[in-house]
Structures are given as C-alpha cells and as structure tokens.
Amino acid sequence: MNIIWGVILIVVSSIGWLGQSMTALWPTVATKLSLTEPEADVDPAFYADVRGEAVWDTLILWTLPVAGVLLLLNSPWWVYFGLVGGGMYLYFAGRGIVTRLVMQRRGIRIGKPETLKQVYVFLALWGLVGVVTLAMGVAALPLP
C-alpha cells in the first residue's frame, strides 16, 4: 500500500506543485497550457489573487511530493512531510474551491464554465489526497 500511495502522492501532488510553479514563474506558458485563465477572461482582482497564490504555493507545496518519495524509500520521515503536506493540500483545495464559489456567486469573472469544472475536479482530488495522507500519517505516527 505504501508503494502505491507513494506513487499517487508523487504524481498527483507534483501536478499541483509544478502547475503552481509554472503559473508563478512563467504565467504566459501556464496560460498557453491552459493551467490558468488568460488575464483578459477574469476579473483583475482574481487574476492578482491567483498569481499571488501561485507564488506562495510554489514555496510550500513541494512537501507532499517529497512525502511520496520518502514513502517509496520507506523512510520514517515521510510521516512528518505527509502531515505537513497533507494539511497544506487540504487547505489549498478548500481555499481554492470556497474562494471560487464565493466569487462566482458575487458575479466576479473567474473563468469559463468548462475550465472551472476542471479546476473544481483537480482541487477536490488534491483535497482528497490531503485528507487520506493526513489519516495515513496520523496512523503511522510512532506511539510514545
């Protein structure tokens, strides 16, 4: 199970971290790859929020892919990276979903409906991976 979950963590969480890194460092390329909406298609405040979030996420979301690597290597350190990374991905997903829903309800332009469906699917997936990793990490904590 650890090998399977380690691979899942590396693949799924790397998509999130690499996507945010690309959005932060090369926003034009990220837009061409449909990782983010074109600036003209969204409200300026939303565009700025997404860019700021991408910079911060680039700095913090690396922890879950590292947890996956450590899990594959059977290192006990995976638990700590998994707990921190799982919490970050749960927060990342929850904030992303709730912020977009609130902005949509207020009529703020946040992207095309078909793109938003994909965003919600990925955010839900990252949140689920975060929750499962948190549960596995808590279960694997050494007992005193």
N, C-alpha and C. Protein backbone atom coordinates (compact mmCIF):
# COMPACT_ATOMS: atom_id res chain seq x y z
N MET A 1 0.83 -1.20 0.00
CA MET A 1 0.00 0.00 0.00
C MET A 1 0.87 1.26 0.00
N ASN A 2 1.99 1.21 0.75
CA ASN A 2 2.86 2.38 0.81
C ASN A 2 3.46 2.72 -0.55
N ILE A 3 3.78 1.70 -1.33
CA ILE A 3 4.34 1.96 -2.67
C ILE A 3 3.29 2.61 -3.55
N ILE A 4 2.09 2.08 -3.53
CA ILE A 4 1.01 2.64 -4.35
C ILE A 4 0.72 4.08 -3.93
N TRP A 5 0.59 4.31 -2.62
CA TRP A 5 0.28 5.66 -2.16
C TRP A 5 1.45 6.61 -2.42
N GLY A 6 2.67 6.12 -2.30
CA GLY A 6 3.83 6.95 -2.61
C GLY A 6 3.81 7.42 -4.05
N VAL A 7 3.49 6.52 -4.97
CA VAL A 7 3.39 6.88 -6.39
C VAL A 7 2.25 7.87 -6.61
N ILE A 8 1.11 7.62 -5.99
CA ILE A 8 -0.03 8.54 -6.11
C ILE A 8 0.36 9.92 -5.59
N LEU A 9 1.01 9.97 -4.45
CA LEU A 9 1.43 11.27 -3.90
C LEU A 9 2.36 12.00 -4.84
N ILE A 10 3.34 11.31 -5.36
CA ILE A 10 4.31 11.95 -6.25
C ILE A 10 3.61 12.49 -7.49
N VAL A 11 2.79 11.68 -8.12
CA VAL A 11 2.14 12.09 -9.38
C VAL A 11 1.13 13.20 -9.15
N VAL A 12 0.17 12.96 -8.26
CA VAL A 12 -0.94 13.91 -8.09
C VAL A 12 -0.46 15.23 -7.47
N SER A 13 0.37 15.15 -6.45
CA SER A 13 0.80 16.39 -5.82
C SER A 13 1.82 17.15 -6.67
N SER A 14 2.60 16.43 -7.47
CA SER A 14 3.54 17.12 -8.37
C SER A 14 2.81 17.91 -9.44
N ILE A 15 1.67 17.41 -9.87
CA ILE A 15 0.87 18.17 -10.84
C ILE A 15 0.49 19.52 -10.24
N GLY A 16 0.05 19.51 -8.98
CA GLY A 16 -0.32 20.76 -8.31
C GLY A 16 0.87 21.68 -8.12
N TRP A 17 1.96 21.14 -7.60
CA TRP A 17 3.14 21.98 -7.34
C TRP A 17 3.76 22.50 -8.63
N LEU A 18 3.92 21.64 -9.62
CA LEU A 18 4.51 22.09 -10.88
C LEU A 18 3.61 23.08 -11.60
N GLY A 19 2.31 22.86 -11.56
CA GLY A 19 1.37 23.80 -12.18
C GLY A 19 1.43 25.17 -11.53
N GLN A 20 1.46 25.19 -10.21
CA GLN A 20 1.55 26.47 -9.50
C GLN A 20 2.92 27.13 -9.74
N SER A 21 3.96 26.33 -9.80
CA SER A 21 5.29 26.87 -10.07
C SER A 21 5.35 27.52 -11.45
N MET A 22 4.76 26.83 -12.42
CA MET A 22 4.75 27.38 -13.77
C MET A 22 3.92 28.66 -13.83
N THR A 23 2.79 28.67 -13.13
CA THR A 23 1.94 29.86 -13.09
C THR A 23 2.68 31.03 -12.44
N ALA A 24 3.46 30.74 -11.41
CA ALA A 24 4.21 31.80 -10.72
C ALA A 24 5.39 32.31 -11.54
N LEU A 25 6.12 31.39 -12.15
CA LEU A 25 7.37 31.76 -12.82
C LEU A 25 7.21 32.08 -14.29
N TRP A 26 6.31 31.39 -14.96
CA TRP A 26 6.09 31.58 -16.40
C TRP A 26 4.59 31.65 -16.70
N PRO A 27 3.93 32.72 -16.27
CA PRO A 27 2.47 32.79 -16.43
C PRO A 27 1.99 32.70 -17.88
N THR A 28 2.78 33.21 -18.82
CA THR A 28 2.38 33.13 -20.23
C THR A 28 2.34 31.68 -20.70
N VAL A 29 3.35 30.91 -20.32
CA VAL A 29 3.39 29.49 -20.67
C VAL A 29 2.24 28.75 -19.98
N ALA A 30 2.00 29.06 -18.72
CA ALA A 30 0.91 28.42 -17.97
C ALA A 30 -0.43 28.69 -18.65
N THR A 31 -0.61 29.90 -19.14
CA THR A 31 -1.86 30.24 -19.84
C THR A 31 -1.97 29.46 -21.14
N LYS A 32 -0.88 29.35 -21.89
CA LYS A 32 -0.89 28.59 -23.16
C LYS A 32 -1.18 27.12 -22.92
N LEU A 33 -0.76 26.59 -21.78
CA LEU A 33 -1.01 25.19 -21.45
C LEU A 33 -2.36 24.99 -20.74
N SER A 34 -3.13 26.07 -20.64
CA SER A 34 -4.45 26.08 -20.01
C SER A 34 -4.38 25.73 -18.52
N LEU A 35 -3.27 26.06 -17.87
CA LEU A 35 -3.16 25.86 -16.43
C LEU A 35 -3.79 27.02 -15.67
N THR A 36 -3.97 28.12 -16.35
CA THR A 36 -4.58 29.30 -15.76
C THR A 36 -5.34 30.05 -16.84
N GLU A 37 -6.27 30.86 -16.40
CA GLU A 37 -7.09 31.64 -17.34
C GLU A 37 -6.30 32.83 -17.88
N PRO A 38 -6.57 33.22 -19.13
CA PRO A 38 -5.96 34.45 -19.64
C PRO A 38 -6.42 35.65 -18.82
N GLU A 39 -5.54 36.61 -18.66
CA GLU A 39 -5.85 37.79 -17.85
C GLU A 39 -7.11 38.49 -18.35
N ALA A 40 -7.33 38.51 -19.64
CA ALA A 40 -8.48 39.21 -20.22
C ALA A 40 -9.82 38.52 -19.88
N ASP A 41 -9.78 37.26 -19.49
CA ASP A 41 -11.00 36.50 -19.24
C ASP A 41 -11.47 36.53 -17.79
N VAL A 42 -10.69 37.15 -16.91
CA VAL A 42 -11.05 37.15 -15.49
C VAL A 42 -10.96 38.56 -14.91
N ASP A 43 -11.58 38.73 -13.76
CA ASP A 43 -11.52 39.99 -13.03
C ASP A 43 -10.07 40.27 -12.61
N PRO A 44 -9.64 41.53 -12.68
CA PRO A 44 -8.26 41.85 -12.30
C PRO A 44 -7.89 41.43 -10.87
N ALA A 45 -8.82 41.54 -9.94
CA ALA A 45 -8.53 41.13 -8.55
C ALA A 45 -8.33 39.62 -8.46
N PHE A 46 -9.15 38.86 -9.19
CA PHE A 46 -8.99 37.41 -9.21
C PHE A 46 -7.65 37.03 -9.85
N TYR A 47 -7.31 37.70 -10.93
CA TYR A 47 -6.04 37.43 -11.61
C TYR A 47 -4.87 37.67 -10.65
N ALA A 48 -4.90 38.77 -9.92
CA ALA A 48 -3.83 39.08 -8.97
C ALA A 48 -3.80 38.04 -7.84
N ASP A 49 -4.97 37.62 -7.37
CA ASP A 49 -5.04 36.63 -6.30
C ASP A 49 -4.44 35.30 -6.75
N VAL A 50 -4.77 34.88 -7.95
CA VAL A 50 -4.24 33.62 -8.48
C VAL A 50 -2.73 33.68 -8.61
N ARG A 51 -2.21 34.83 -9.05
CA ARG A 51 -0.75 34.97 -9.19
C ARG A 51 -0.05 34.94 -7.82
N GLY A 52 -0.62 35.65 -6.86
CA GLY A 52 -0.03 35.63 -5.52
C GLY A 52 -0.09 34.25 -4.90
N GLU A 53 -1.22 33.58 -5.06
CA GLU A 53 -1.38 32.22 -4.54
C GLU A 53 -0.36 31.28 -5.18
N ALA A 54 -0.12 31.43 -6.48
CA ALA A 54 0.83 30.57 -7.18
C ALA A 54 2.25 30.75 -6.63
N VAL A 55 2.62 31.98 -6.33
CA VAL A 55 3.96 32.23 -5.77
C VAL A 55 4.09 31.53 -4.42
N TRP A 56 3.11 31.73 -3.55
CA TRP A 56 3.17 31.11 -2.23
C TRP A 56 3.13 29.59 -2.32
N ASP A 57 2.26 29.06 -3.18
CA ASP A 57 2.16 27.61 -3.34
C ASP A 57 3.45 27.00 -3.86
N THR A 58 4.15 27.73 -4.70
CA THR A 58 5.44 27.25 -5.20
C THR A 58 6.41 27.04 -4.04
N LEU A 59 6.32 27.89 -3.05
CA LEU A 59 7.22 27.80 -1.90
C LEU A 59 6.85 26.70 -0.91
N ILE A 60 5.57 26.31 -0.86
CA ILE A 60 5.15 25.38 0.19
C ILE A 60 4.66 24.01 -0.27
N LEU A 61 4.18 23.88 -1.49
CA LEU A 61 3.51 22.63 -1.89
C LEU A 61 4.47 21.51 -2.27
N TRP A 62 5.76 21.73 -2.20
CA TRP A 62 6.74 20.68 -2.51
C TRP A 62 6.76 19.58 -1.45
N THR A 63 6.19 19.84 -0.30
CA THR A 63 6.29 18.90 0.81
C THR A 63 5.57 17.57 0.54
N LEU A 64 4.47 17.58 -0.18
CA LEU A 64 3.75 16.33 -0.41
C LEU A 64 4.45 15.45 -1.44
N PRO A 65 4.98 15.99 -2.54
CA PRO A 65 5.77 15.11 -3.41
C PRO A 65 6.98 14.51 -2.67
N VAL A 66 7.60 15.29 -1.80
CA VAL A 66 8.72 14.76 -1.00
C VAL A 66 8.23 13.64 -0.09
N ALA A 67 7.06 13.79 0.50
CA ALA A 67 6.50 12.73 1.34
C ALA A 67 6.32 11.45 0.52
N GLY A 68 5.88 11.60 -0.72
CA GLY A 68 5.73 10.43 -1.59
C GLY A 68 7.05 9.73 -1.86
N VAL A 69 8.08 10.50 -2.13
CA VAL A 69 9.41 9.92 -2.36
C VAL A 69 9.89 9.21 -1.09
N LEU A 70 9.73 9.87 0.06
CA LEU A 70 10.16 9.26 1.32
C LEU A 70 9.36 8.00 1.64
N LEU A 71 8.10 8.00 1.26
CA LEU A 71 7.26 6.81 1.47
C LEU A 71 7.79 5.65 0.62
N LEU A 72 8.15 5.94 -0.63
CA LEU A 72 8.71 4.90 -1.50
C LEU A 72 10.03 4.36 -0.95
N LEU A 73 10.79 5.25 -0.32
CA LEU A 73 12.08 4.85 0.25
C LEU A 73 11.92 4.21 1.64
N ASN A 74 10.67 4.10 2.10
CA ASN A 74 10.35 3.54 3.41
C ASN A 74 11.03 4.31 4.55
N SER A 75 11.17 5.61 4.37
CA SER A 75 11.76 6.45 5.40
C SER A 75 10.69 6.86 6.41
N PRO A 76 11.00 6.80 7.69
CA PRO A 76 10.02 7.24 8.69
C PRO A 76 9.72 8.74 8.62
N TRP A 77 10.56 9.48 7.93
CA TRP A 77 10.34 10.92 7.78
C TRP A 77 9.14 11.25 6.90
N TRP A 78 8.65 10.28 6.12
CA TRP A 78 7.51 10.55 5.25
C TRP A 78 6.32 11.04 6.07
N VAL A 79 6.20 10.51 7.31
CA VAL A 79 5.04 10.86 8.15
C VAL A 79 4.97 12.36 8.38
N TYR A 80 6.10 12.97 8.70
CA TYR A 80 6.11 14.40 9.03
C TYR A 80 5.88 15.26 7.78
N PHE A 81 6.53 14.88 6.68
CA PHE A 81 6.28 15.59 5.44
C PHE A 81 4.84 15.36 4.97
N GLY A 82 4.32 14.16 5.20
CA GLY A 82 2.94 13.84 4.82
C GLY A 82 1.93 14.62 5.63
N LEU A 83 2.18 14.77 6.93
CA LEU A 83 1.25 15.54 7.76
C LEU A 83 1.26 17.02 7.38
N VAL A 84 2.44 17.57 7.20
CA VAL A 84 2.53 18.99 6.80
C VAL A 84 1.97 19.16 5.38
N GLY A 85 2.44 18.34 4.46
CA GLY A 85 1.98 18.45 3.06
C GLY A 85 0.51 18.15 2.90
N GLY A 86 0.01 17.14 3.60
CA GLY A 86 -1.42 16.81 3.53
C GLY A 86 -2.28 17.97 4.01
N GLY A 87 -1.84 18.59 5.10
CA GLY A 87 -2.57 19.76 5.60
C GLY A 87 -2.54 20.91 4.62
N MET A 88 -1.38 21.11 3.99
CA MET A 88 -1.27 22.21 3.01
C MET A 88 -2.16 21.95 1.79
N TYR A 89 -2.18 20.72 1.31
CA TYR A 89 -3.01 20.41 0.14
C TYR A 89 -4.50 20.48 0.49
N LEU A 90 -4.86 20.09 1.70
CA LEU A 90 -6.25 20.23 2.12
C LEU A 90 -6.65 21.70 2.17
N TYR A 91 -5.78 22.53 2.73
CA TYR A 91 -6.05 23.96 2.79
C TYR A 91 -6.10 24.55 1.38
N PHE A 92 -5.13 24.21 0.54
CA PHE A 92 -5.04 24.69 -0.84
C PHE A 92 -6.34 24.37 -1.59
N ALA A 93 -6.80 23.14 -1.46
CA ALA A 93 -8.02 22.73 -2.15
C ALA A 93 -9.25 23.44 -1.60
N GLY A 94 -9.37 23.47 -0.29
CA GLY A 94 -10.53 24.10 0.33
C GLY A 94 -10.62 25.58 0.02
N ARG A 95 -9.50 26.28 0.14
CA ARG A 95 -9.48 27.71 -0.16
C ARG A 95 -9.81 27.95 -1.63
N GLY A 96 -9.24 27.13 -2.50
CA GLY A 96 -9.48 27.30 -3.93
C GLY A 96 -10.94 27.12 -4.30
N ILE A 97 -11.57 26.10 -3.73
CA ILE A 97 -12.98 25.84 -4.03
C ILE A 97 -13.87 26.92 -3.45
N VAL A 98 -13.71 27.21 -2.16
CA VAL A 98 -14.59 28.17 -1.49
C VAL A 98 -14.43 29.57 -2.09
N THR A 99 -13.20 29.99 -2.34
CA THR A 99 -12.98 31.32 -2.92
C THR A 99 -13.66 31.45 -4.27
N ARG A 100 -13.53 30.43 -5.10
CA ARG A 100 -14.14 30.49 -6.43
C ARG A 100 -15.67 30.49 -6.34
N LEU A 101 -16.22 29.68 -5.44
CA LEU A 101 -17.68 29.65 -5.29
C LEU A 101 -18.21 31.01 -4.82
N VAL A 102 -17.55 31.61 -3.85
CA VAL A 102 -17.99 32.92 -3.34
C VAL A 102 -17.88 33.97 -4.45
N MET A 103 -16.77 33.97 -5.16
CA MET A 103 -16.60 34.95 -6.24
C MET A 103 -17.63 34.75 -7.34
N GLN A 104 -17.91 33.49 -7.69
CA GLN A 104 -18.94 33.20 -8.70
C GLN A 104 -20.29 33.74 -8.27
N ARG A 105 -20.66 33.50 -7.03
CA ARG A 105 -21.96 33.94 -6.52
C ARG A 105 -22.07 35.45 -6.49
N ARG A 106 -20.95 36.13 -6.40
CA ARG A 106 -20.95 37.60 -6.40
C ARG A 106 -20.81 38.18 -7.81
N GLY A 107 -20.78 37.31 -8.80
CA GLY A 107 -20.72 37.77 -10.19
C GLY A 107 -19.33 38.19 -10.65
N ILE A 108 -18.31 37.78 -9.94
CA ILE A 108 -16.94 38.12 -10.34
C ILE A 108 -16.48 37.14 -11.41
N ARG A 109 -15.89 37.67 -12.46
CA ARG A 109 -15.42 36.82 -13.56
C ARG A 109 -14.18 36.04 -13.11
N ILE A 110 -14.32 34.71 -13.06
CA ILE A 110 -13.20 33.87 -12.63
C ILE A 110 -12.85 32.81 -13.67
N GLY A 111 -13.43 32.88 -14.83
CA GLY A 111 -13.08 31.93 -15.89
C GLY A 111 -14.29 31.33 -16.56
N LYS A 112 -14.00 30.58 -17.59
CA LYS A 112 -15.05 29.93 -18.37
C LYS A 112 -15.60 28.72 -17.62
N PRO A 113 -16.90 28.44 -17.76
CA PRO A 113 -17.52 27.33 -17.02
C PRO A 113 -16.83 25.98 -17.24
N GLU A 114 -16.42 25.69 -18.47
CA GLU A 114 -15.78 24.39 -18.72
C GLU A 114 -14.41 24.29 -18.04
N THR A 115 -13.72 25.40 -17.95
CA THR A 115 -12.43 25.42 -17.26
C THR A 115 -12.64 25.28 -15.75
N LEU A 116 -13.66 25.95 -15.24
CA LEU A 116 -13.95 25.88 -13.80
C LEU A 116 -14.29 24.46 -13.36
N LYS A 117 -14.97 23.70 -14.21
CA LYS A 117 -15.28 22.31 -13.87
C LYS A 117 -13.99 21.53 -13.66
N GLN A 118 -13.02 21.74 -14.54
CA GLN A 118 -11.72 21.06 -14.40
C GLN A 118 -11.01 21.50 -13.13
N VAL A 119 -11.07 22.79 -12.85
CA VAL A 119 -10.43 23.32 -11.64
C VAL A 119 -11.03 22.67 -10.40
N TYR A 120 -12.36 22.60 -10.34
CA TYR A 120 -13.02 22.00 -9.18
C TYR A 120 -12.66 20.51 -9.03
N VAL A 121 -12.56 19.80 -10.14
CA VAL A 121 -12.20 18.38 -10.08
C VAL A 121 -10.79 18.21 -9.51
N PHE A 122 -9.84 19.00 -10.03
CA PHE A 122 -8.47 18.88 -9.53
C PHE A 122 -8.36 19.32 -8.07
N LEU A 123 -9.02 20.40 -7.72
CA LEU A 123 -8.97 20.85 -6.32
C LEU A 123 -9.57 19.80 -5.38
N ALA A 124 -10.67 19.19 -5.79
CA ALA A 124 -11.27 18.13 -4.97
C ALA A 124 -10.32 16.94 -4.85
N LEU A 125 -9.66 16.59 -5.94
CA LEU A 125 -8.70 15.49 -5.93
C LEU A 125 -7.54 15.79 -4.98
N TRP A 126 -7.00 17.01 -5.06
CA TRP A 126 -5.90 17.38 -4.16
C TRP A 126 -6.36 17.39 -2.70
N GLY A 127 -7.57 17.84 -2.45
CA GLY A 127 -8.10 17.82 -1.10
C GLY A 127 -8.26 16.41 -0.57
N LEU A 128 -8.75 15.52 -1.41
CA LEU A 128 -8.91 14.11 -1.03
C LEU A 128 -7.55 13.47 -0.74
N VAL A 129 -6.57 13.74 -1.58
CA VAL A 129 -5.22 13.22 -1.35
C VAL A 129 -4.67 13.76 -0.03
N GLY A 130 -4.94 15.03 0.25
CA GLY A 130 -4.50 15.61 1.52
C GLY A 130 -5.13 14.92 2.71
N VAL A 131 -6.43 14.67 2.66
CA VAL A 131 -7.15 14.03 3.77
C VAL A 131 -6.64 12.60 3.99
N VAL A 132 -6.51 11.84 2.91
CA VAL A 132 -6.04 10.46 3.04
C VAL A 132 -4.61 10.43 3.60
N THR A 133 -3.77 11.34 3.12
CA THR A 133 -2.39 11.39 3.61
C THR A 133 -2.35 11.77 5.09
N LEU A 134 -3.19 12.72 5.48
CA LEU A 134 -3.26 13.07 6.91
C LEU A 134 -3.67 11.87 7.75
N ALA A 135 -4.67 11.14 7.29
CA ALA A 135 -5.13 9.96 8.03
C ALA A 135 -4.03 8.90 8.11
N MET A 136 -3.36 8.65 7.00
CA MET A 136 -2.28 7.67 7.00
C MET A 136 -1.12 8.13 7.89
N GLY A 137 -0.83 9.43 7.86
CA GLY A 137 0.25 9.96 8.68
C GLY A 137 -0.03 9.83 10.16
N VAL A 138 -1.26 10.16 10.55
CA VAL A 138 -1.64 10.03 11.96
C VAL A 138 -1.56 8.57 12.39
N ALA A 139 -2.04 7.68 11.53
CA ALA A 139 -2.00 6.24 11.87
C ALA A 139 -0.56 5.72 11.96
N ALA A 140 0.36 6.33 11.23
CA ALA A 140 1.74 5.85 11.22
C ALA A 140 2.63 6.54 12.26
N LEU A 141 2.08 7.52 12.98
CA LEU A 141 2.89 8.20 13.99
C LEU A 141 3.36 7.20 15.04
N PRO A 142 4.61 7.31 15.43
CA PRO A 142 5.09 6.40 16.48
C PRO A 142 4.40 6.72 17.81
N LEU A 143 3.97 5.68 18.48
CA LEU A 143 3.30 5.87 19.78
C LEU A 143 4.36 6.01 20.87
N PRO A 144 4.08 6.88 21.86
CA PRO A 144 5.06 7.04 22.94
C PRO A 144 5.12 5.83 23.86
